[in-house]
C-alpha atoms as a PDB file:
ATOM      1  CA  MET A   1     -55.142 121.643 -82.558  1.00  0.00           C
ATOM      2  CA  ASN A   2     -52.005 119.623 -81.988  1.00  0.00           C
ATOM      3  CA  SER A   3     -52.383 120.115 -78.217  1.00  0.00           C
ATOM      4  CA  ASN A   4     -55.935 118.729 -78.242  1.00  0.00           C
ATOM      5  CA  MET A   5     -54.866 115.738 -80.281  1.00  0.00           C
ATOM      6  CA  GLN A   6     -52.087 114.964 -77.787  1.00  0.00           C
ATOM      7  CA  LYS A   7     -54.573 115.154 -74.882  1.00  0.00           C
ATOM      8  CA  SER A   8     -56.973 112.832 -76.707  1.00  0.00           C
ATOM      9  CA  HIS A   9     -54.224 110.227 -77.298  1.00  0.00           C
ATOM     10  CA  SER A  10     -53.153 110.275 -73.663  1.00  0.00           C
ATOM     11  CA  LEU A  11     -56.566 109.385 -72.235  1.00  0.00           C
ATOM     12  CA  GLY A  12     -55.933 105.547 -72.473  1.00  0.00           C
ATOM     13  CA  PHE A  13     -58.663 102.786 -72.640  1.00  0.00           C
ATOM     14  CA  SER A  14     -62.220 103.481 -71.727  1.00  0.00           C
ATOM     15  CA  LEU A  15     -64.142 101.251 -69.303  1.00  0.00           C
ATOM     16  CA  VAL A  16     -66.180  99.823 -72.170  1.00  0.00           C
ATOM     17  CA  GLU A  17     -63.030  98.846 -74.057  1.00  0.00           C
ATOM     18  CA  ILE A  18     -61.561  97.160 -70.971  1.00  0.00           C
ATOM     19  CA  MET A  19     -64.778  95.190 -70.373  1.00  0.00           C
ATOM     20  CA  VAL A  20     -64.941  94.107 -74.005  1.00  0.00           C
ATOM     21  CA  GLY A  21     -61.335  92.934 -73.777  1.00  0.00           C
ATOM     22  CA  LEU A  22     -62.079  90.996 -70.593  1.00  0.00           C
ATOM     23  CA  VAL A  23     -65.078  89.301 -72.199  1.00  0.00           C
ATOM     24  CA  ILE A  24     -63.011  88.304 -75.236  1.00  0.00           C
ATOM     25  CA  GLY A  25     -60.253  86.983 -72.978  1.00  0.00           C
ATOM     26  CA  LEU A  26     -62.716  84.991 -70.871  1.00  0.00           C
ATOM     27  CA  LEU A  27     -64.337  83.507 -73.968  1.00  0.00           C
ATOM     28  CA  ALA A  28     -60.942  82.497 -75.313  1.00  0.00           C
ATOM     29  CA  THR A  29     -60.032  80.912 -71.955  1.00  0.00           C
ATOM     30  CA  LEU A  30     -63.348  79.041 -71.882  1.00  0.00           C
ATOM     31  CA  VAL A  31     -62.771  77.646 -75.373  1.00  0.00           C
ATOM     32  CA  ILE A  32     -59.215  76.619 -74.500  1.00  0.00           C
ATOM     33  CA  MET A  33     -60.362  74.848 -71.322  1.00  0.00           C
ATOM     34  CA  GLN A  34     -63.159  73.064 -73.161  1.00  0.00           C
ATOM     35  CA  VAL A  35     -60.729  71.845 -75.814  1.00  0.00           C
ATOM     36  CA  PHE A  36     -58.258  70.796 -73.113  1.00  0.00           C
ATOM     37  CA  SER A  37     -60.971  68.948 -71.172  1.00  0.00           C
ATOM     38  CA  VAL A  38     -62.158  67.035 -74.234  1.00  0.00           C
ATOM     39  CA  PHE A  39     -58.600  66.216 -75.267  1.00  0.00           C
ATOM     40  CA  GLU A  40     -57.661  65.081 -71.762  1.00  0.00           C
ATOM     41  CA  GLY A  41     -60.753  62.872 -71.550  1.00  0.00           C
ATOM     42  CA  GLN A  42     -59.950  61.281 -74.899  1.00  0.00           C
ATOM     43  CA  LYS A  43     -56.365  60.760 -73.809  1.00  0.00           C
ATOM     44  CA  ARG A  44     -57.443  59.068 -70.574  1.00  0.00           C
ATOM     45  CA  SER A  45     -59.887  56.838 -72.429  1.00  0.00           C
ATOM     46  CA  THR A  46     -57.281  55.918 -75.040  1.00  0.00           C
ATOM     47  CA  THR A  47     -54.531  55.295 -72.497  1.00  0.00           C
ATOM     48  CA  GLY A  48     -56.836  53.354 -70.178  1.00  0.00           C
ATOM     49  CA  GLY A  49     -58.174  51.333 -73.100  1.00  0.00           C
ATOM     50  CA  ALA A  50     -54.641  50.444 -74.188  1.00  0.00           C
ATOM     51  CA  ASP A  51     -53.781  49.361 -70.630  1.00  0.00           C
ATOM     52  CA  ALA A  52     -56.929  47.237 -70.408  1.00  0.00           C
ATOM     53  CA  GLN A  53     -56.121  45.681 -73.798  1.00  0.00           C
ATOM     54  CA  THR A  54     -52.592  44.843 -72.705  1.00  0.00           C
ATOM     55  CA  ASN A  55     -53.682  43.486 -69.327  1.00  0.00           C
ATOM     56  CA  GLY A  56     -56.340  41.296 -70.933  1.00  0.00           C
ATOM     57  CA  SER A  57     -53.859  39.844 -73.420  1.00  0.00           C
ATOM     58  CA  VAL A  58     -51.319  39.133 -70.691  1.00  0.00           C
ATOM     59  CA  ALA A  59     -53.955  37.548 -68.439  1.00  0.00           C
ATOM     60  CA  ILE A  60     -55.253  35.278 -71.212  1.00  0.00           C
ATOM     61  CA  TYR A  61     -51.699  34.222 -72.079  1.00  0.00           C
ATOM     62  CA  THR A  62     -50.901  33.491 -68.424  1.00  0.00           C
ATOM     63  CA  ILE A  63     -53.920  31.223 -68.012  1.00  0.00           C
ATOM     64  CA  GLN A  64     -53.409  29.551 -71.371  1.00  0.00           C
ATOM     65  CA  ARG A  65     -49.774  28.743 -70.598  1.00  0.00           C
ATOM     66  CA  GLU A  66     -50.713  27.012 -67.342  1.00  0.00           C
ATOM     67  CA  ALA A  67     -53.794  25.251 -68.728  1.00  0.00           C
ATOM     68  CA  SER A  68     -51.795  23.727 -71.579  1.00  0.00           C
ATOM     69  CA  MET A  69     -49.864  21.783 -68.910  1.00  0.00           C
ATOM     70  CA  ALA A  70     -52.974  20.464 -67.159  1.00  0.00           C
ATOM     71  CA  GLY A  71     -52.647  16.753 -66.416  1.00  0.00           C
ATOM     72  CA  TYR A  72     -48.995  16.493 -67.381  1.00  0.00           C
ATOM     73  CA  GLY A  73     -47.203  13.729 -65.485  1.00  0.00           C
ATOM     74  CA  MET A  74     -50.305  11.629 -64.843  1.00  0.00           C
ATOM     75  CA  PRO A  75     -50.025   8.002 -66.022  1.00  0.00           C
ATOM     76  CA  VAL A  76     -52.842   8.348 -68.525  1.00  0.00           C
ATOM     77  CA  PHE A  77     -51.278   6.787 -71.597  1.00  0.00           C
ATOM     78  CA  SER A  78     -51.882   3.151 -70.677  1.00  0.00           C
ATOM     79  CA  THR A  79     -55.197   1.317 -70.537  1.00  0.00           C
ATOM     80  CA  GLN A  80     -53.768  -0.588 -67.559  1.00  0.00           C
ATOM     81  CA  ASN A  81     -53.423   2.633 -65.567  1.00  0.00           C
ATOM     82  CA  PRO A  82     -56.427   4.830 -66.299  1.00  0.00           C
ATOM     83  CA  ALA A  83     -55.707   7.481 -63.671  1.00  0.00           C
ATOM     84  CA  LEU A  84     -58.544   9.663 -64.936  1.00  0.00           C
ATOM     85  CA  ARG A  85     -60.967   6.912 -63.902  1.00  0.00           C
ATOM     86  CA  CYS A  86     -59.924   7.033 -60.251  1.00  0.00           C
ATOM     87  CA  ASP A  87     -63.056   7.079 -58.147  1.00  0.00           C
ATOM     88  CA  PRO A  88     -62.953   8.735 -55.727  1.00  0.00           C
ATOM     89  CA  LEU A  89     -60.159  11.055 -56.774  1.00  0.00           C
ATOM     90  CA  PRO A  90     -57.174  11.026 -54.386  1.00  0.00           C
ATOM     91  CA  THR A  91     -55.523  14.143 -52.988  1.00  0.00           C
ATOM     92  CA  PHE A  92     -52.099  15.035 -51.664  1.00  0.00           C
ATOM     93  CA  GLY A  93     -51.303  18.102 -49.619  1.00  0.00           C
ATOM     94  CA  GLY A  94     -54.780  19.445 -50.326  1.00  0.00           C
ATOM     95  CA  ALA A  95     -54.314  19.229 -54.109  1.00  0.00           C
ATOM     96  CA  GLY A  96     -56.613  16.854 -55.968  1.00  0.00           C
ATOM     97  CA  LEU A  97     -55.645  14.683 -58.905  1.00  0.00           C
ATOM     98  CA  PHE A  98     -58.011  15.881 -61.637  1.00  0.00           C
ATOM     99  CA  PRO A  99     -56.198  18.249 -64.052  1.00  0.00           C
ATOM    100  CA  VAL A 100     -58.794  21.058 -64.295  1.00  0.00           C
ATOM    101  CA  LEU A 101     -61.471  22.165 -61.892  1.00  0.00           C
ATOM    102  CA  ILE A 102     -63.863  25.090 -62.426  1.00  0.00           C
ATOM    103  CA  THR A 103     -65.651  26.438 -59.371  1.00  0.00           C
ATOM    104  CA  ASP A 104     -68.752  28.439 -60.251  1.00  0.00           C
ATOM    105  CA  GLY A 105     -68.649  31.897 -58.706  1.00  0.00           C
ATOM    106  CA  GLY A 106     -72.354  32.635 -59.217  1.00  0.00           C
ATOM    107  CA  ALA A 107     -72.755  36.344 -59.962  1.00  0.00           C
ATOM    108  CA  GLY A 108     -69.034  36.849 -59.310  1.00  0.00           C
ATOM    109  CA  SER A 109     -65.926  35.420 -60.908  1.00  0.00           C
ATOM    110  CA  ASP A 110     -65.351  31.707 -61.369  1.00  0.00           C
ATOM    111  CA  THR A 111     -62.273  30.024 -59.946  1.00  0.00           C
ATOM    112  CA  LEU A 112     -60.066  27.964 -62.249  1.00  0.00           C
ATOM    113  CA  THR A 113     -57.767  25.339 -60.709  1.00  0.00           C
ATOM    114  CA  ILE A 114     -55.083  23.733 -62.870  1.00  0.00           C
ATOM    115  CA  ARG A 115     -52.914  20.790 -61.752  1.00  0.00           C
ATOM    116  CA  TYR A 116     -49.877  19.164 -63.344  1.00  0.00           C
ATOM    117  CA  GLY A 117     -46.643  17.370 -62.497  1.00  0.00           C
ATOM    118  CA  SER A 118     -43.046  18.347 -63.154  1.00  0.00           C
ATOM    119  CA  THR A 119     -41.532  14.964 -63.978  1.00  0.00           C
ATOM    120  CA  GLN A 120     -39.212  14.775 -66.952  1.00  0.00           C
ATOM    121  CA  ARG A 121     -40.268  11.174 -67.573  1.00  0.00           C
ATOM    122  CA  GLY A 122     -43.924  11.841 -68.257  1.00  0.00           C
ATOM    123  CA  GLY A 123     -45.200   9.813 -65.304  1.00  0.00           C
ATOM    124  CA  ILE A 124     -44.444   6.399 -66.825  1.00  0.00           C
ATOM    125  CA  PRO A 125     -46.147   3.757 -64.644  1.00  0.00           C
ATOM    126  CA  VAL A 126     -44.409   0.601 -63.404  1.00  0.00           C
ATOM    127  CA  ALA A 127     -45.782  -2.395 -61.527  1.00  0.00           C
ATOM    128  CA  GLY A 128     -45.032  -2.396 -57.828  1.00  0.00           C
ATOM    129  CA  THR A 129     -44.985  -4.845 -54.939  1.00  0.00           C
ATOM    130  CA  PHE A 130     -45.970  -3.101 -51.722  1.00  0.00           C
ATOM    131  CA  ALA A 131     -44.740  -3.805 -48.197  1.00  0.00           C
ATOM    132  CA  GLY A 132     -45.700  -0.937 -45.935  1.00  0.00           C
ATOM    133  CA  THR A 133     -43.782   2.125 -47.091  1.00  0.00           C
ATOM    134  CA  SER A 134     -41.420   0.104 -49.305  1.00  0.00           C
ATOM    135  CA  VAL A 135     -42.312  -0.561 -52.920  1.00  0.00           C
ATOM    136  CA  THR A 136     -40.345  -2.943 -55.118  1.00  0.00           C
ATOM    137  CA  VAL A 137     -40.318  -2.042 -58.822  1.00  0.00           C
ATOM    138  CA  THR A 138     -38.526  -3.279 -61.910  1.00  0.00           C
ATOM    139  CA  ASN A 139     -36.832   0.117 -62.251  1.00  0.00           C
ATOM    140  CA  ASN A 140     -37.336   3.367 -60.360  1.00  0.00           C
ATOM    141  CA  LEU A 141     -35.700   5.480 -63.066  1.00  0.00           C
ATOM    142  CA  GLY A 142     -37.577   8.762 -63.288  1.00  0.00           C
ATOM    143  CA  CYS A 143     -38.294   8.986 -59.562  1.00  0.00           C
ATOM    144  CA  GLN A 144     -36.638  11.471 -57.262  1.00  0.00           C
ATOM    145  CA  VAL A 145     -36.854  12.083 -53.540  1.00  0.00           C
ATOM    146  CA  GLY A 146     -39.748  14.447 -52.887  1.00  0.00           C
ATOM    147  CA  ASP A 147     -41.757  13.331 -55.933  1.00  0.00           C
ATOM    148  CA  VAL A 148     -45.485  12.774 -55.564  1.00  0.00           C
ATOM    149  CA  VAL A 149     -46.357   9.186 -56.448  1.00  0.00           C
ATOM    150  CA  LEU A 150     -49.684   8.017 -57.824  1.00  0.00           C
ATOM    151  CA  VAL A 151     -50.692   4.432 -57.010  1.00  0.00           C
ATOM    152  CA  VAL A 152     -53.345   3.008 -59.336  1.00  0.00           C
ATOM    153  CA  ASN A 153     -55.139  -0.302 -58.946  1.00  0.00           C
ATOM    154  CA  GLY A 154     -58.152  -0.350 -61.246  1.00  0.00           C
ATOM    155  CA  SER A 155     -60.352   2.545 -60.136  1.00  0.00           C
ATOM    156  CA  SER A 156     -58.727   2.689 -56.691  1.00  0.00           C
ATOM    157  CA  CYS A 157     -55.999   5.317 -56.409  1.00  0.00           C
ATOM    158  CA  ALA A 158     -53.808   6.940 -53.795  1.00  0.00           C
ATOM    159  CA  MET A 159     -51.181   9.676 -53.734  1.00  0.00           C
ATOM    160  CA  GLN A 160     -48.069   9.663 -51.576  1.00  0.00           C
ATOM    161  CA  GLN A 161     -44.538  11.119 -51.564  1.00  0.00           C
ATOM    162  CA  VAL A 162     -41.125   9.544 -52.152  1.00  0.00           C
ATOM    163  CA  SER A 163     -38.921   9.812 -49.080  1.00  0.00           C
ATOM    164  CA  ALA A 164     -35.937   7.714 -50.249  1.00  0.00           C
ATOM    165  CA  LEU A 165     -34.550   5.654 -53.139  1.00  0.00           C
ATOM    166  CA  PRO A 166     -32.519   2.842 -51.548  1.00  0.00           C
ATOM    167  CA  ASP A 167     -31.507   1.357 -54.897  1.00  0.00           C
ATOM    168  CA  ASN A 168     -32.691   1.133 -58.519  1.00  0.00           C
ATOM    169  CA  THR A 169     -35.477  -1.327 -57.737  1.00  0.00           C
ATOM    170  CA  HIS A 170     -36.975   0.190 -54.608  1.00  0.00           C
ATOM    171  CA  VAL A 171     -38.958   3.260 -53.693  1.00  0.00           C
ATOM    172  CA  THR A 172     -39.552   4.276 -50.083  1.00  0.00           C
ATOM    173  CA  LEU A 173     -42.688   6.318 -49.436  1.00  0.00           C
ATOM    174  CA  ALA A 174     -43.237   8.816 -46.627  1.00  0.00           C
ATOM    175  CA  ALA A 175     -46.248   6.780 -45.442  1.00  0.00           C
ATOM    176  CA  ALA A 176     -48.013   3.624 -46.484  1.00  0.00           C
ATOM    177  CA  PRO A 177     -50.481   4.480 -49.274  1.00  0.00           C
ATOM    178  CA  ALA A 178     -54.185   3.823 -48.928  1.00  0.00           C
ATOM    179  CA  VAL A 179     -53.922   1.485 -51.948  1.00  0.00           C
ATOM    180  CA  MET A 180     -51.353  -1.301 -51.410  1.00  0.00           C
ATOM    181  CA  ALA A 181     -51.322  -2.907 -54.869  1.00  0.00           C
ATOM    182  CA  GLY A 182     -51.109  -1.996 -58.529  1.00  0.00           C
ATOM    183  CA  ASN A 183     -48.867   0.358 -60.476  1.00  0.00           C
ATOM    184  CA  ILE A 184     -47.018   3.469 -59.372  1.00  0.00           C
ATOM    185  CA  ALA A 185     -45.922   6.544 -61.286  1.00  0.00           C
ATOM    186  CA  CYS A 186     -43.648   9.329 -60.064  1.00  0.00           C
ATOM    187  CA  MET A 187     -45.199  12.631 -61.165  1.00  0.00           C
ATOM    188  CA  GLY A 188     -42.582  15.028 -59.779  1.00  0.00           C
ATOM    189  CA  ASP A 189     -43.900  18.067 -57.932  1.00  0.00           C
ATOM    190  CA  TRP A 190     -47.689  18.061 -58.137  1.00  0.00           C
ATOM    191  CA  ASN A 191     -48.434  21.715 -58.866  1.00  0.00           C
ATOM    192  CA  GLU A 192     -51.779  23.361 -58.228  1.00  0.00           C
ATOM    193  CA  VAL A 193     -52.378  26.789 -59.771  1.00  0.00           C
ATOM    194  CA  VAL A 194     -55.561  28.686 -58.882  1.00  0.00           C
ATOM    195  CA  PHE A 195     -56.811  31.669 -60.893  1.00  0.00           C
ATOM    196  CA  THR A 196     -59.603  34.024 -59.857  1.00  0.00           C
ATOM    197  CA  THR A 197     -60.168  37.763 -59.516  1.00  0.00           C
ATOM    198  CA  ALA A 198     -59.841  39.927 -56.418  1.00  0.00           C
ATOM    199  CA  ALA A 199     -59.356  43.636 -55.718  1.00  0.00           C
ATOM    200  CA  GLY A 200     -59.846  44.508 -59.385  1.00  0.00           C
ATOM    201  CA  GLY A 201     -57.255  42.140 -60.831  1.00  0.00           C
ATOM    202  CA  LEU A 202     -56.421  38.541 -61.737  1.00  0.00           C
ATOM    203  CA  THR A 203     -54.779  36.544 -58.954  1.00  0.00           C
ATOM    204  CA  ARG A 204     -52.590  33.452 -59.228  1.00  0.00           C
ATOM    205  CA  ASN A 205     -52.614  31.375 -56.042  1.00  0.00           C
ATOM    206  CA  GLY A 206     -53.885  34.419 -54.172  1.00  0.00           C
ATOM    207  CA  ILE A 207     -51.094  36.701 -55.414  1.00  0.00           C
ATOM    208  CA  PRO A 208     -52.004  39.619 -57.732  1.00  0.00           C
ATOM    209  CA  SER A 209     -50.998  38.728 -61.281  1.00  0.00           C
ATOM    210  CA  THR A 210     -52.612  41.178 -63.725  1.00  0.00           C
ATOM    211  CA  ALA A 211     -54.385  44.459 -62.963  1.00  0.00           C
ATOM    212  CA  ASP A 212     -57.795  45.656 -64.215  1.00  0.00           C
ATOM    213  CA  VAL A 213     -59.242  42.140 -64.702  1.00  0.00           C
ATOM    214  CA  VAL A 214     -62.659  42.321 -63.031  1.00  0.00           C
ATOM    215  CA  SER A 215     -64.249  39.016 -64.043  1.00  0.00           C
ATOM    216  CA  LEU A 216     -63.171  35.487 -65.002  1.00  0.00           C
ATOM    217  CA  GLN A 217     -65.708  33.057 -66.453  1.00  0.00           C
ATOM    218  CA  ALA A 218     -64.982  29.484 -67.525  1.00  0.00           C
ATOM    219  CA  GLN A 219     -66.788  26.478 -68.974  1.00  0.00           C
ATOM    220  CA  TYR A 220     -65.973  22.840 -69.694  1.00  0.00           C
ATOM    221  CA  GLY A 221     -65.917  21.604 -73.280  1.00  0.00           C
ATOM    222  CA  LEU A 222     -67.560  18.161 -73.316  1.00  0.00           C
ATOM    223  CA  THR A 223     -67.770  15.407 -75.870  1.00  0.00           C
ATOM    224  CA  ALA A 224     -71.203  13.935 -76.625  1.00  0.00           C
ATOM    225  CA  ALA A 225     -70.388  10.803 -74.628  1.00  0.00           C
ATOM    226  CA  ALA A 226     -67.524   9.186 -72.766  1.00  0.00           C
ATOM    227  CA  GLY A 227     -65.195   7.409 -75.136  1.00  0.00           C
ATOM    228  CA  THR A 228     -62.471   8.099 -77.658  1.00  0.00           C
ATOM    229  CA  SER A 229     -64.056  11.119 -79.354  1.00  0.00           C
ATOM    230  CA  ASN A 230     -62.225  14.407 -78.988  1.00  0.00           C
ATOM    231  CA  THR A 231     -64.889  16.591 -80.588  1.00  0.00           C
ATOM    232  CA  VAL A 232     -66.405  19.127 -78.219  1.00  0.00           C
ATOM    233  CA  ALA A 233     -70.179  18.865 -78.504  1.00  0.00           C
ATOM    234  CA  SER A 234     -71.257  21.262 -75.751  1.00  0.00           C
ATOM    235  CA  TRP A 235     -70.034  23.837 -73.277  1.00  0.00           C
ATOM    236  CA  GLU A 236     -71.231  23.578 -69.709  1.00  0.00           C
ATOM    237  CA  ASN A 237     -70.868  25.605 -66.536  1.00  0.00           C
ATOM    238  CA  ALA A 238     -69.435  24.012 -63.432  1.00  0.00           C
ATOM    239  CA  ALA A 239     -72.547  23.403 -61.366  1.00  0.00           C
ATOM    240  CA  ALA A 240     -70.555  21.036 -59.140  1.00  0.00           C
ATOM    241  CA  ALA A 241     -67.323  19.066 -59.151  1.00  0.00           C
ATOM    242  CA  PRO A 242     -67.369  16.789 -62.229  1.00  0.00           C
ATOM    243  CA  ASP A 243     -68.360  13.212 -61.514  1.00  0.00           C
ATOM    244  CA  LEU A 244     -66.605  10.281 -63.174  1.00  0.00           C
ATOM    245  CA  THR A 245     -68.833  10.331 -66.275  1.00  0.00           C
ATOM    246  CA  MET A 246     -68.379  14.045 -66.828  1.00  0.00           C
ATOM    247  CA  ARG A 247     -64.617  13.868 -66.218  1.00  0.00           C
ATOM    248  CA  ARG A 248     -64.307  11.329 -69.018  1.00  0.00           C
ATOM    249  CA  ARG A 249     -65.970  13.787 -71.434  1.00  0.00           C
ATOM    250  CA  ILE A 250     -63.881  16.908 -70.760  1.00  0.00           C
ATOM    251  CA  ARG A 251     -61.525  17.795 -73.612  1.00  0.00           C
ATOM    252  CA  ALA A 252     -61.196  21.579 -73.395  1.00  0.00           C
ATOM    253  CA  ILE A 253     -62.089  24.672 -71.424  1.00  0.00           C
ATOM    254  CA  ARG A 254     -63.050  28.093 -72.627  1.00  0.00           C
ATOM    255  CA  ILE A 255     -62.202  31.262 -70.771  1.00  0.00           C
ATOM    256  CA  ALA A 256     -63.726  34.741 -70.823  1.00  0.00           C
ATOM    257  CA  LEU A 257     -61.952  37.622 -69.099  1.00  0.00           C
ATOM    258  CA  ILE A 258     -63.379  41.108 -68.692  1.00  0.00           C
ATOM    259  CA  THR A 259     -60.992  44.004 -68.152  1.00  0.00           C
ATOM    260  CA  ARG A 260     -61.948  47.533 -67.122  1.00  0.00           C
ATOM    261  CA  ASN A 261     -60.664  50.832 -68.417  1.00  0.00           C
ATOM    262  CA  GLY A 262     -59.704  52.841 -65.337  1.00  0.00           C
ATOM    263  CA  ALA A 263     -60.974  56.159 -66.775  1.00  0.00           C
ATOM    264  CA  TYR A 264     -64.271  57.204 -65.149  1.00  0.00           C
ATOM    265  CA  GLU A 265     -66.820  58.567 -67.616  1.00  0.00           C
ATOM    266  CA  LYS A 266     -69.429  61.163 -66.607  1.00  0.00           C
ATOM    267  CA  GLY A 267     -72.192  59.451 -68.545  1.00  0.00           C
ATOM    268  CA  VAL A 268     -73.243  55.805 -68.821  1.00  0.00           C
ATOM    269  CA  VAL A 269     -70.989  54.076 -71.366  1.00  0.00           C
ATOM    270  CA  SER A 270     -71.522  50.344 -70.672  1.00  0.00           C
ATOM    271  CA  TYR A 271     -74.698  48.306 -70.748  1.00  0.00           C
ATOM    272  CA  THR A 272     -76.119  44.992 -69.608  1.00  0.00           C
ATOM    273  CA  CYS A 273     -76.120  42.404 -72.389  1.00  0.00           C
ATOM    274  CA  ASN A 274     -79.359  42.585 -74.369  1.00  0.00           C
ATOM    275  CA  THR A 275     -79.407  40.780 -77.700  1.00  0.00           C
ATOM    276  CA  ALA A 276     -82.959  41.973 -78.414  1.00  0.00           C
ATOM    277  CA  ALA A 277     -81.894  45.625 -78.266  1.00  0.00           C
ATOM    278  CA  PRO A 278     -78.123  45.589 -78.705  1.00  0.00           C
ATOM    279  CA  LYS A 279     -76.031  48.595 -77.721  1.00  0.00           C
ATOM    280  CA  PRO A 280     -72.333  49.221 -78.088  1.00  0.00           C
ATOM    281  CA  ASN A 281     -70.083  48.115 -75.239  1.00  0.00           C
ATOM    282  CA  GLN A 282     -72.400  45.499 -73.741  1.00  0.00           C
ATOM    283  CA  THR A 283     -71.133  43.089 -71.061  1.00  0.00           C
ATOM    284  CA  CYS A 284     -71.703  39.967 -73.186  1.00  0.00           C
ATOM    285  CA  ILE A 285     -69.599  36.795 -73.326  1.00  0.00           C
ATOM    286  CA  TRP A 286     -69.814  33.715 -75.536  1.00  0.00           C
ATOM    287  CA  THR A 287     -71.118  35.929 -78.328  1.00  0.00           C
ATOM    288  CA  GLY A 288     -70.712  33.084 -80.801  1.00  0.00           C
ATOM    289  CA  ASP A 289     -73.398  31.081 -79.007  1.00  0.00           C
ATOM    290  CA  PRO A 290     -77.084  31.354 -79.932  1.00  0.00           C
ATOM    291  CA  THR A 291     -77.681  33.077 -76.602  1.00  0.00           C
ATOM    292  CA  PRO A 292     -74.778  35.175 -75.307  1.00  0.00           C
ATOM    293  CA  VAL A 293     -74.396  35.428 -71.548  1.00  0.00           C
ATOM    294  CA  ASN A 294     -74.485  38.655 -69.569  1.00  0.00           C
ATOM    295  CA  VAL A 295     -71.811  39.097 -66.911  1.00  0.00           C
ATOM    296  CA  ASP A 296     -73.274  40.947 -63.958  1.00  0.00           C
ATOM    297  CA  LEU A 297     -70.791  43.676 -63.053  1.00  0.00           C
ATOM    298  CA  SER A 298     -73.023  45.503 -60.588  1.00  0.00           C
ATOM    299  CA  GLY A 299     -70.943  44.069 -57.777  1.00  0.00           C
ATOM    300  CA  LEU A 300     -68.179  46.473 -58.807  1.00  0.00           C
ATOM    301  CA  GLY A 301     -70.296  49.377 -57.525  1.00  0.00           C
ATOM    302  CA  SER A 302     -73.362  51.397 -58.404  1.00  0.00           C
ATOM    303  CA  ASP A 303     -71.334  53.322 -60.989  1.00  0.00           C
ATOM    304  CA  TRP A 304     -70.029  50.231 -62.767  1.00  0.00           C
ATOM    305  CA  ASP A 305     -71.579  51.394 -66.061  1.00  0.00           C
ATOM    306  CA  HIS A 306     -69.491  54.589 -66.082  1.00  0.00           C
ATOM    307  CA  TYR A 307     -66.432  52.565 -67.099  1.00  0.00           C
ATOM    308  CA  ARG A 308     -65.574  50.877 -70.381  1.00  0.00           C
ATOM    309  CA  TYR A 309     -64.893  47.127 -70.532  1.00  0.00           C
ATOM    310  CA  ASN A 310     -63.103  44.766 -72.894  1.00  0.00           C
ATOM    311  CA  VAL A 311     -63.958  41.072 -73.283  1.00  0.00           C
ATOM    312  CA  PHE A 312     -61.270  38.492 -74.052  1.00  0.00           C
ATOM    313  CA  GLU A 313     -62.214  34.910 -74.928  1.00  0.00           C
ATOM    314  CA  THR A 314     -60.206  31.842 -75.821  1.00  0.00           C
ATOM    315  CA  ILE A 315     -60.621  28.067 -76.103  1.00  0.00           C
ATOM    316  CA  ILE A 316     -57.869  25.945 -74.558  1.00  0.00           C
ATOM    317  CA  PRO A 317     -57.643  22.278 -75.611  1.00  0.00           C
ATOM    318  CA  LEU A 318     -56.540  20.058 -72.735  1.00  0.00           C
ATOM    319  CA  ARG A 319     -53.929  18.250 -74.777  1.00  0.00           C
ATOM    320  CA  ASN A 320     -52.937  15.728 -72.105  1.00  0.00           C
ATOM    321  CA  MET A 321     -56.560  14.604 -71.886  1.00  0.00           C
ATOM    322  CA  VAL A 322     -56.940  14.590 -75.654  1.00  0.00           C
ATOM    323  CA  TRP A 323     -53.843  12.408 -76.029  1.00  0.00           C
ATOM    324  CA  SER A 324     -55.137   9.986 -73.399  1.00  0.00           C
ATOM    325  CA  SER A 325     -58.696   9.756 -74.737  1.00  0.00           C
ATOM    326  CA  ASN A 326     -58.309   6.024 -75.366  1.00  0.00           C
ATOM    327  CA  THR A 327     -58.038   5.480 -71.592  1.00  0.00           C
ATOM    328  CA  LEU A 328     -61.065   7.573 -70.755  1.00  0.00           C
END
């Protein structure tokens, strides 16, 4: 009896028991992998969403910081020197005078160009007497060698550069300006900053600035008519470079940036803007308007809708144009 019991205990596992154990182990492994896959997907979405949120905030701040300087240094505070009424607008070194220019990108991203001076004197204009490259002024305080000078005579304007300061009452220009009468203002370095998107990120003067920004859209904020009003009555796309009448009405710009979460989703998670049948995560901008605008992201690839997007919007008052509204 005891011998038979010992033989029975020494037989080990049967094939059925081993197979049952394998099935249980495989089921447990399958459950663990499913849980891990779901958790990893959620982690990627959360991490990618946080990165997109951060990148969008940084990109908006970067543009806003530059745009707040738009037009600084221009002699726009005197009715005798209405630089914003220059027609045509002068240029220097390829950079135009007007503080903000939006170039419509069609189905792609817009391009935003911001211009401002670096003078510490605010571009105070003084009357000048011109003789070739030499300009006699009452006082050239505020000018430095290398500064860009704006010459204004009514609606005729020219831009040139200071090459020397012989004494306190003279300014020598690098070349004779196209306008040889009127007032001059030293604007310091005339900076031109260009924002657009390329290679999946925001660029500043062609240099990558912020990652994961896939679209930049911008509009002008216009008053109802040219004059002293600073109330924005309408928002308009940049169909072409603003003419003189439109330039006199611009008081603000509004920006929309779209950032993309880098985590690829197996199913469709983003949708074209459709206010009639709204879905979550639509590619809509200007949602406060009666008719929001869809941003076409199909140029990002046929699988564009397998990524999640965030929209960032802001309105930026052009304070230097607001302050000079009496000269517009």
